Amino acid sequence: MKIDSGTTAWMLTAAALVLLMTPGLAFFYGGMTRAKSVLNMMMMSFGAIVTVTVTWMLFGHSLAFTDNPSSALNNFVGGFDALGLQSLVDTATADDGTGMPSLVFSMFQMTFAIITVALISGAIADRAKFGAWMLFTVIWATVVYFPVAHWVWGTGWLNTMGIEDFAGGTVVHINAGAAALALALVLGKRQGWRKEPMRPHNLTLVLLGAALLWFGWFGFNAGSELAVDGTAGLAFLNTQVATAVAVGAWLVVEKLRDGHATSLGAASGAVAGLVAITPACGFVDPWAAMVIGLLAGAICAYAVGLKYKLGFDDSLDVVGVHLVGGVVGAVSLGFLAAYPFLEQQSEGLFYGGGVGQLGLQVLGPVAVGGYSFILTWVIGKIIDRTMGFRISTEDEVTGVDITTHAETGYDLGTVHASGVSSPNGPVTAPATKKVDA
């Protein structure tokens, strides 16, 4: 098939926008941590770029988007026809009607895999070994993300049943949110959790990160149409509408509940709206996008407090925003999906559809969330029992930046051979202290 230069140019741009989201996430998460952990938090996102890029190129694309020779296994995982992506180089363009080179599609999907893995890191801020995290990213992408992408976007069982997920509410956000919950339980609570203040150390970074995420998300959502057409335009518009409304809803909840509308609330509300509209952006009318944004902003604003009631330390609210927001968006399609944006699409209840599609939109989050939670818990436990996943109490109190990376995010004083000094005295371990990988 002849290459469509317009589509190809847009998809190259969209892939770059989605890749930008991971450094944006690094700023967003980094600003939300304490000052002694900011570099480690950002490094976890950058580390995911490295490991997932390599695994995707070697076998990830193949497991997600090729057919398994066994029809039974194909329901769960793809085959090995695209190992190393060489077959995509040889075929140049896929026979799928998009008109883009196969490698461009693969690069676009690679960026989704990268940010999904990076999202999980927010739940374990301040307390994870960097080497253990890097190993986790490889294993988790292999046994969780690639199969789930095949289930929903490849030729797997959820796709065959007819689940709708335009840009990744189930594959990305519910998947990552469930994994975040499992890993937070495996590593346990931070030292001093609920006893010491653990407020974001730099809200300027948080807002910068949220802005980069919002900007990149247009490539995430509109790019998922894989074409330059009306549906891409609809997804673009709905992304903006839902996000803006979600910010407003979160701020109203904060004002009514706490008496203050905060910048952290605005940033968190934006991400909640982006998450919730992701599965629905190309399937719903703009008025419905407003409803989804309103629900996401309000529900997630309350959901982030569940960790205190249930007793799990999700450091940066990955569960409350991504898992809960993803469920809101996925289930909303059972009510709000509007034909005929896509010919193969099923209508929601509000457009005359039956309960069957609603059931599928509930089944998807349950199946993906359950699979991700269980496998993540197992992976986390194995790593913890073998090489150890959590840093020592001493290192955690000192700060993971200096003990793991031998760096600090801010120059708080004079750097000496024996450590870093500040106006309040030494804040680092001695230089002879072993640096933990």
Protein backbone atom coordinates (compact mmCIF):
# COMPACT_ATOMS: atom_id res chain seq x y z
CA MET A 1 0.00 0.00 0.00
CA LYS A 2 1.24 3.49 -0.83
CA ILE A 3 2.43 5.59 2.11
CA ASP A 4 0.11 8.44 3.06
CA SER A 5 2.48 11.29 3.84
CA GLY A 6 -0.10 13.30 5.80
CA THR A 7 -1.03 10.43 8.09
CA THR A 8 2.60 9.45 8.51
CA ALA A 9 3.65 12.98 9.45
CA TRP A 10 0.84 13.24 12.00
CA MET A 11 1.66 9.85 13.54
CA LEU A 12 5.36 10.70 13.84
CA THR A 13 4.31 13.87 15.65
CA ALA A 14 1.84 11.99 17.84
CA ALA A 15 4.50 9.45 18.82
CA ALA A 16 6.84 12.28 19.82
CA LEU A 17 4.06 13.89 21.86
CA VAL A 18 3.37 10.67 23.75
CA LEU A 19 7.06 10.13 24.41
CA LEU A 20 7.23 13.67 25.84
CA MET A 21 4.60 12.62 28.36
CA THR A 22 7.08 10.41 30.23
CA PRO A 23 9.54 13.26 30.99
CA GLY A 24 6.41 15.26 31.81
CA LEU A 25 5.42 12.54 34.24
CA ALA A 26 8.92 12.72 35.73
CA PHE A 27 8.39 16.43 36.50
CA PHE A 28 4.87 15.77 37.80
CA TYR A 29 5.94 12.95 40.10
CA GLY A 30 9.25 14.57 41.00
CA GLY A 31 7.59 17.71 42.28
CA MET A 32 5.15 15.68 44.37
CA THR A 33 7.89 13.85 46.31
CA ARG A 34 10.02 15.21 49.11
CA ALA A 35 13.18 17.08 48.11
CA LYS A 36 15.44 14.20 49.13
CA SER A 37 13.78 11.87 46.59
CA VAL A 38 13.14 14.05 43.54
CA LEU A 39 16.01 12.75 41.40
CA ASN A 40 15.26 9.11 42.10
CA MET A 41 11.62 9.66 41.23
CA MET A 42 12.52 11.26 37.92
CA MET A 43 15.12 8.58 37.21
CA MET A 44 12.47 5.89 37.54
CA SER A 45 10.57 7.42 34.63
CA PHE A 46 13.70 7.83 32.53
CA GLY A 47 14.74 4.28 33.40
CA ALA A 48 11.44 2.99 32.05
CA ILE A 49 12.16 4.71 28.73
CA VAL A 50 15.37 2.71 28.45
CA THR A 51 14.12 -0.73 29.43
CA VAL A 52 10.76 -0.65 27.68
CA THR A 53 12.23 0.70 24.46
CA VAL A 54 14.61 -2.25 24.27
CA THR A 55 12.07 -4.90 25.27
CA TRP A 56 9.49 -3.50 22.87
CA MET A 57 11.93 -3.61 19.98
CA LEU A 58 13.14 -7.13 20.78
CA PHE A 59 9.80 -8.85 21.38
CA GLY A 60 7.15 -6.51 22.84
CA HIS A 61 5.56 -5.46 19.57
CA SER A 62 5.48 -9.08 18.47
CA LEU A 63 3.73 -10.29 21.63
CA ALA A 64 1.19 -7.46 21.48
CA PHE A 65 0.36 -7.12 17.79
CA THR A 66 1.10 -10.31 15.90
CA ASP A 67 -1.02 -13.46 15.85
CA ASN A 68 -0.01 -16.49 17.84
CA PRO A 69 0.21 -19.67 15.72
CA SER A 70 -1.91 -21.38 18.37
CA SER A 71 -5.47 -20.14 18.10
CA ALA A 72 -6.03 -20.91 21.78
CA LEU A 73 -2.95 -19.01 22.92
CA ASN A 74 -3.78 -16.16 20.57
CA ASN A 75 -6.59 -15.18 22.91
CA PHE A 76 -3.97 -14.26 25.49
CA VAL A 77 -0.68 -13.38 23.79
CA GLY A 78 0.70 -12.78 20.31
CA GLY A 79 3.36 -14.69 18.44
CA PHE A 80 6.96 -14.18 17.38
CA ASP A 81 6.59 -12.94 13.82
CA ALA A 82 8.02 -9.49 14.54
CA LEU A 83 10.97 -10.20 16.82
CA GLY A 84 13.48 -7.39 16.54
CA LEU A 85 10.99 -5.55 14.29
CA GLN A 86 12.85 -6.83 11.23
CA SER A 87 9.66 -8.02 9.56
CA LEU A 88 8.26 -4.49 9.87
CA VAL A 89 11.32 -3.10 8.13
CA ASP A 90 10.87 -5.61 5.35
CA THR A 91 7.13 -5.01 4.86
CA ALA A 92 7.41 -1.21 5.10
CA THR A 93 3.65 -0.54 5.33
CA ALA A 94 0.96 -2.61 6.97
CA ASP A 95 -2.00 -3.76 4.90
CA ASP A 96 -4.42 -2.10 7.32
CA GLY A 97 -5.59 0.92 5.37
CA THR A 98 -3.75 3.49 7.48
CA GLY A 99 -1.11 4.30 4.88
CA MET A 100 1.63 4.71 7.47
CA PRO A 101 4.85 2.70 7.67
CA SER A 102 4.57 -0.25 10.04
CA LEU A 103 7.54 1.03 12.02
CA VAL A 104 5.73 4.31 12.71
CA PHE A 105 2.79 2.41 14.20
CA SER A 106 5.21 0.37 16.28
CA MET A 107 7.00 3.47 17.55
CA PHE A 108 3.66 5.03 18.49
CA GLN A 109 2.66 1.95 20.46
CA MET A 110 6.09 1.76 22.10
CA THR A 111 5.53 5.14 23.71
CA PHE A 112 2.29 3.84 25.26
CA ALA A 113 4.14 0.92 26.79
CA ILE A 114 6.80 3.25 28.19
CA ILE A 115 4.45 5.59 30.02
CA THR A 116 2.29 2.75 31.34
CA VAL A 117 5.30 1.27 33.11
CA ALA A 118 6.49 4.68 34.32
CA LEU A 119 3.09 5.46 35.84
CA ILE A 120 3.48 2.65 38.37
CA SER A 121 6.54 4.24 39.96
CA GLY A 122 4.51 6.96 41.66
CA ALA A 123 3.06 4.46 44.12
CA ILE A 124 6.45 3.49 45.54
CA ALA A 125 8.20 6.87 45.76
CA ASP A 126 10.95 7.33 48.37
CA ARG A 127 11.60 3.65 49.10
CA ALA A 128 12.46 1.45 46.09
CA LYS A 129 15.86 0.22 45.00
CA PHE A 130 16.64 1.58 41.56
CA GLY A 131 18.15 -1.68 40.30
CA ALA A 132 15.11 -3.65 41.50
CA TRP A 133 12.82 -1.14 39.77
CA MET A 134 14.69 -1.51 36.48
CA LEU A 135 14.39 -5.29 36.63
CA PHE A 136 10.71 -4.97 37.51
CA THR A 137 10.03 -2.81 34.44
CA VAL A 138 11.38 -5.50 32.10
CA ILE A 139 9.46 -8.35 33.72
CA TRP A 140 6.21 -6.42 34.13
CA ALA A 141 6.17 -5.16 30.57
CA THR A 142 6.78 -8.70 29.33
CA VAL A 143 4.22 -10.64 31.34
CA VAL A 144 1.59 -7.96 31.97
CA TYR A 145 1.59 -5.04 29.53
CA PHE A 146 2.33 -6.85 26.27
CA PRO A 147 -0.33 -9.56 26.82
CA VAL A 148 -2.95 -7.00 27.95
CA ALA A 149 -2.28 -4.85 24.88
CA HIS A 150 -2.86 -7.99 22.81
CA TRP A 151 -6.13 -8.72 24.63
CA VAL A 152 -7.59 -5.28 23.94
CA TRP A 153 -5.85 -3.87 20.85
CA GLY A 154 -4.52 -6.97 19.15
CA THR A 155 -6.51 -10.07 18.31
CA GLY A 156 -6.96 -11.21 21.89
CA TRP A 157 -10.09 -12.25 23.74
CA LEU A 158 -11.35 -8.85 24.92
CA ASN A 159 -11.01 -7.37 21.45
CA THR A 160 -12.87 -10.34 19.99
CA MET A 161 -15.68 -9.87 22.50
CA GLY A 162 -16.01 -6.21 21.49
CA ILE A 163 -14.59 -4.14 24.36
CA GLU A 164 -14.09 -0.46 23.52
CA ASP A 165 -10.92 1.34 24.58
CA PHE A 166 -10.04 4.12 22.17
CA ALA A 167 -6.67 5.17 23.57
CA GLY A 168 -5.83 3.13 26.66
CA GLY A 169 -8.12 3.61 29.65
CA THR A 170 -7.99 -0.13 30.27
CA VAL A 171 -4.65 -1.04 28.70
CA VAL A 172 -2.72 1.86 30.23
CA HIS A 173 -4.43 3.40 33.24
CA ILE A 174 -6.37 0.57 34.88
CA ASN A 175 -3.44 -1.71 34.15
CA ALA A 176 -0.92 0.66 35.76
CA GLY A 177 -3.23 1.63 38.61
CA ALA A 178 -3.85 -1.97 39.67
CA ALA A 179 -0.11 -2.68 39.45
CA ALA A 180 0.61 0.40 41.54
CA LEU A 181 -1.71 -0.85 44.29
CA ALA A 182 -0.07 -4.28 44.32
CA LEU A 183 3.47 -2.88 44.42
CA ALA A 184 2.59 -0.41 47.19
CA LEU A 185 1.36 -3.35 49.26
CA VAL A 186 4.49 -5.39 48.55
CA LEU A 187 6.89 -2.60 49.56
CA GLY A 188 4.84 -1.37 52.50
CA LYS A 189 4.45 2.10 53.91
CA ARG A 190 7.10 4.77 53.97
CA GLN A 191 8.87 5.49 57.25
CA GLY A 192 6.79 8.02 59.14
CA TRP A 193 3.74 7.71 56.90
CA ARG A 194 0.81 9.57 58.46
CA LYS A 195 3.12 10.71 61.28
CA GLU A 196 5.42 13.06 59.38
CA PRO A 197 4.52 15.67 56.74
CA MET A 198 5.10 14.31 53.24
CA ARG A 199 3.88 17.22 51.20
CA PRO A 200 5.00 17.91 47.61
CA HIS A 201 8.30 19.76 47.77
CA ASN A 202 7.94 21.73 44.51
CA LEU A 203 4.51 22.53 43.15
CA THR A 204 6.07 24.47 40.29
CA LEU A 205 7.47 21.18 38.96
CA VAL A 206 4.09 19.53 39.48
CA LEU A 207 2.31 22.15 37.36
CA LEU A 208 5.01 21.99 34.69
CA GLY A 209 4.66 18.21 34.56
CA ALA A 210 0.87 18.42 34.36
CA ALA A 211 1.16 20.92 31.50
CA LEU A 212 3.49 18.62 29.56
CA LEU A 213 1.17 15.68 30.18
CA TRP A 214 -1.83 17.68 28.98
CA PHE A 215 0.04 18.77 25.85
CA GLY A 216 1.34 15.30 25.05
CA TRP A 217 -2.05 13.72 25.68
CA PHE A 218 -3.40 15.20 22.44
CA GLY A 219 -1.03 12.87 20.62
CA PHE A 220 -2.00 10.06 22.98
CA ASN A 221 -5.73 10.37 22.29
CA ALA A 222 -6.11 11.91 18.84
CA GLY A 223 -3.20 9.85 17.52
CA SER A 224 -4.98 6.64 18.50
CA GLU A 225 -7.33 7.09 15.55
CA LEU A 226 -4.27 6.33 13.35
CA ALA A 227 -5.61 8.74 10.76
CA VAL A 228 -6.22 12.42 10.08
CA ASP A 229 -10.00 12.55 10.02
CA GLY A 230 -13.11 13.63 11.87
CA THR A 231 -12.74 11.08 14.64
CA ALA A 232 -9.22 12.32 15.38
CA GLY A 233 -10.63 15.83 15.60
CA LEU A 234 -13.38 14.64 17.93
CA ALA A 235 -10.86 12.90 20.17
CA PHE A 236 -8.73 16.05 20.23
CA LEU A 237 -11.68 18.25 21.24
CA ASN A 238 -13.04 15.81 23.81
CA THR A 239 -9.62 15.57 25.43
CA GLN A 240 -9.57 19.31 26.03
CA VAL A 241 -13.18 19.56 27.16
CA ALA A 242 -13.08 16.68 29.64
CA THR A 243 -9.78 17.81 31.14
CA ALA A 244 -10.87 21.39 31.68
CA VAL A 245 -14.12 20.30 33.33
CA ALA A 246 -12.27 17.80 35.53
CA VAL A 247 -9.96 20.53 36.81
CA GLY A 248 -12.97 22.65 37.72
CA ALA A 249 -14.74 19.74 39.41
CA TRP A 250 -11.69 18.84 41.51
CA LEU A 251 -11.24 22.45 42.61
CA VAL A 252 -14.90 22.76 43.61
CA VAL A 253 -14.63 19.59 45.70
CA GLU A 254 -11.50 20.96 47.37
CA LYS A 255 -13.13 24.30 48.09
CA LEU A 256 -16.26 22.73 49.58
CA ARG A 257 -14.38 20.08 51.54
CA ASP A 258 -11.22 21.87 52.64
CA GLY A 259 -11.94 25.55 52.13
CA HIS A 260 -9.13 25.98 49.57
CA ALA A 261 -8.69 25.32 45.86
CA THR A 262 -5.05 24.29 45.40
CA SER A 263 -2.55 24.14 42.57
CA LEU A 264 -1.94 20.46 43.38
CA GLY A 265 -5.67 19.90 43.03
CA ALA A 266 -5.68 21.62 39.64
CA ALA A 267 -2.80 19.46 38.41
CA SER A 268 -4.34 16.27 39.79
CA GLY A 269 -7.75 17.14 38.36
CA ALA A 270 -6.22 17.65 34.94
CA VAL A 271 -4.61 14.22 35.01
CA ALA A 272 -7.83 12.63 36.29
CA GLY A 273 -9.77 14.15 33.39
CA LEU A 274 -7.16 13.07 30.87
CA VAL A 275 -7.23 9.54 32.24
CA ALA A 276 -11.02 9.23 32.19
CA ILE A 277 -11.52 10.59 28.67
CA THR A 278 -8.76 8.38 27.24
CA PRO A 279 -10.90 5.26 26.57
CA ALA A 280 -13.86 7.33 25.40
CA CYS A 281 -12.41 10.30 23.50
CA GLY A 282 -13.21 9.02 20.00
CA PHE A 283 -16.49 7.37 20.92
CA VAL A 284 -18.58 10.06 22.64
CA ASP A 285 -20.22 13.41 21.91
CA PRO A 286 -18.63 16.56 23.36
CA TRP A 287 -21.43 16.96 25.91
CA ALA A 288 -20.67 13.45 27.13
CA ALA A 289 -16.99 14.37 27.43
CA MET A 290 -18.05 17.13 29.81
CA VAL A 291 -19.98 14.62 31.90
CA ILE A 292 -17.01 12.25 32.01
CA GLY A 293 -14.70 15.08 33.05
CA LEU A 294 -17.12 16.19 35.76
CA LEU A 295 -17.42 12.67 37.17
CA ALA A 296 -13.68 12.02 37.00
CA GLY A 297 -12.71 15.26 38.71
CA ALA A 298 -15.19 14.83 41.54
CA ILE A 299 -14.82 11.08 42.08
CA CYS A 300 -11.02 11.05 41.91
CA ALA A 301 -10.80 14.02 44.29
CA TYR A 302 -12.46 11.83 46.89
CA ALA A 303 -10.81 8.57 45.79
CA VAL A 304 -7.26 9.77 46.56
CA GLY A 305 -8.22 9.79 50.24
CA LEU A 306 -9.08 6.08 50.25
CA LYS A 307 -5.47 5.15 50.97
CA TYR A 308 -5.79 6.67 54.44
CA LYS A 309 -8.98 4.79 55.18
CA LEU A 310 -7.75 1.48 53.74
CA GLY A 311 -4.18 1.79 55.02
CA PHE A 312 -2.02 1.49 51.91
CA ASP A 313 0.70 4.00 51.06
CA ASP A 314 0.20 4.95 47.43
CA SER A 315 2.74 7.76 47.56
CA LEU A 316 1.56 9.88 44.63
CA ASP A 317 -2.07 8.79 44.23
CA VAL A 318 -1.66 6.51 41.23
CA VAL A 319 -4.54 4.34 42.42
CA GLY A 320 -6.94 7.19 43.13
CA VAL A 321 -6.28 8.93 39.81
CA HIS A 322 -5.33 6.27 37.27
CA LEU A 323 -7.16 3.17 38.47
CA VAL A 324 -10.32 4.99 39.55
CA GLY A 325 -10.22 7.47 36.66
CA GLY A 326 -9.65 4.67 34.17
CA VAL A 327 -12.65 2.76 35.50
CA VAL A 328 -14.84 5.89 35.28
CA GLY A 329 -13.87 6.36 31.63
CA ALA A 330 -14.15 2.71 30.62
CA VAL A 331 -17.54 2.11 32.23
CA SER A 332 -18.91 5.42 30.92
CA LEU A 333 -18.79 3.99 27.40
CA GLY A 334 -21.46 1.50 28.37
CA PHE A 335 -23.76 4.48 28.77
CA LEU A 336 -22.39 7.21 26.49
CA ALA A 337 -20.86 5.55 23.41
CA ALA A 338 -22.40 7.28 20.39
CA TYR A 339 -22.70 5.68 16.96
CA PRO A 340 -21.67 6.38 14.17
CA PHE A 341 -18.22 7.79 14.99
CA LEU A 342 -16.81 4.36 14.18
CA GLU A 343 -18.76 1.92 12.05
CA GLN A 344 -17.89 -1.09 14.20
CA GLN A 345 -18.79 0.67 17.43
CA SER A 346 -21.59 -0.40 19.75
CA GLU A 347 -23.92 2.17 21.23
CA GLY A 348 -24.26 2.92 24.92
CA LEU A 349 -27.48 2.70 26.90
CA PHE A 350 -28.23 6.41 26.46
CA TYR A 351 -28.11 5.96 22.67
CA GLY A 352 -30.36 2.93 22.51
CA GLY A 353 -27.76 0.24 23.06
CA GLY A 354 -28.31 -2.75 25.29
CA VAL A 355 -26.70 -3.87 28.51
CA GLY A 356 -24.27 -6.14 26.66
CA GLN A 357 -21.78 -3.39 25.92
CA LEU A 358 -22.08 -2.08 29.46
CA GLY A 359 -21.25 -5.56 30.71
CA LEU A 360 -18.15 -5.65 28.51
CA GLN A 361 -17.04 -2.25 29.76
CA VAL A 362 -17.25 -3.59 33.30
CA LEU A 363 -15.62 -6.92 32.41
CA GLY A 364 -12.56 -5.24 30.86
CA PRO A 365 -11.49 -3.29 33.97
CA VAL A 366 -12.19 -6.28 36.23
CA ALA A 367 -10.20 -8.69 34.06
CA VAL A 368 -7.28 -6.37 33.36
CA GLY A 369 -7.19 -4.97 36.88
CA GLY A 370 -7.29 -8.41 38.46
CA TYR A 371 -4.64 -9.84 36.13
CA SER A 372 -2.35 -6.86 36.63
CA PHE A 373 -2.74 -6.83 40.41
CA ILE A 374 -2.05 -10.55 40.84
CA LEU A 375 0.91 -10.72 38.47
CA THR A 376 2.43 -7.53 39.86
CA TRP A 377 2.15 -8.80 43.41
CA VAL A 378 3.89 -12.04 42.41
CA ILE A 379 6.65 -10.24 40.48
CA GLY A 380 7.18 -7.77 43.32
CA LYS A 381 7.36 -10.52 45.92
CA ILE A 382 9.88 -12.55 43.92
CA ILE A 383 12.15 -9.53 43.43
CA ASP A 384 11.79 -8.58 47.08
CA ARG A 385 12.67 -12.09 48.28
CA THR A 386 15.69 -12.41 45.98
CA MET A 387 17.49 -9.09 45.54
CA GLY A 388 15.33 -6.96 47.79
CA PHE A 389 12.96 -4.31 46.45
CA ARG A 390 12.99 -1.80 49.28
CA ILE A 391 15.92 0.31 50.42
CA SER A 392 17.05 0.14 54.03
CA THR A 393 15.41 2.24 56.73
CA GLU A 394 18.63 4.24 57.16
CA ASP A 395 18.81 5.00 53.44
CA GLU A 396 15.16 5.98 53.33
CA VAL A 397 15.55 8.42 56.21
CA THR A 398 18.72 9.88 54.70
CA GLY A 399 17.17 10.16 51.26
CA VAL A 400 17.25 7.85 48.28
CA ASP A 401 18.81 10.46 46.01
CA ILE A 402 22.10 10.61 47.86
CA THR A 403 22.28 6.96 48.93
CA THR A 404 21.38 5.50 45.54
CA HIS A 405 22.54 8.07 43.01
CA ALA A 406 25.15 10.02 45.02
CA GLU A 407 23.41 13.24 43.98
CA THR A 408 20.95 15.76 45.33
CA GLY A 409 18.25 17.61 43.46
CA TYR A 410 19.15 20.96 45.01
CA ASP A 411 22.36 22.61 46.15
CA LEU A 412 21.42 23.28 49.75
CA GLY A 413 24.92 24.11 50.86
CA THR A 414 28.54 23.24 50.29
CA VAL A 415 29.33 19.81 48.91
CA HIS A 416 32.14 18.17 50.88
CA ALA A 417 33.89 14.88 50.49
CA SER A 418 32.08 13.67 53.59
CA GLY A 419 28.65 14.63 52.36
CA VAL A 420 26.35 17.58 51.75
CA SER A 421 25.95 20.31 54.32
CA SER A 422 23.05 22.71 54.74
CA PRO A 423 22.36 25.62 57.09
CA ASN A 424 20.86 23.03 59.46
CA GLY A 425 23.89 20.73 59.36
CA PRO A 426 24.78 17.55 57.45
CA VAL A 427 21.93 15.97 55.53
CA THR A 428 23.69 13.08 53.84
CA ALA A 429 25.38 9.87 54.74
CA PRO A 430 29.19 9.77 54.89
CA ALA A 431 30.98 9.44 51.56
CA THR A 432 32.22 5.99 52.58
CA LYS A 433 28.66 4.71 52.77
CA LYS A 434 27.86 2.05 50.23
CA VAL A 435 25.75 3.34 47.36
CA ASP A 436 22.78 1.03 46.84
CA ALA A 437 21.85 0.05 43.30
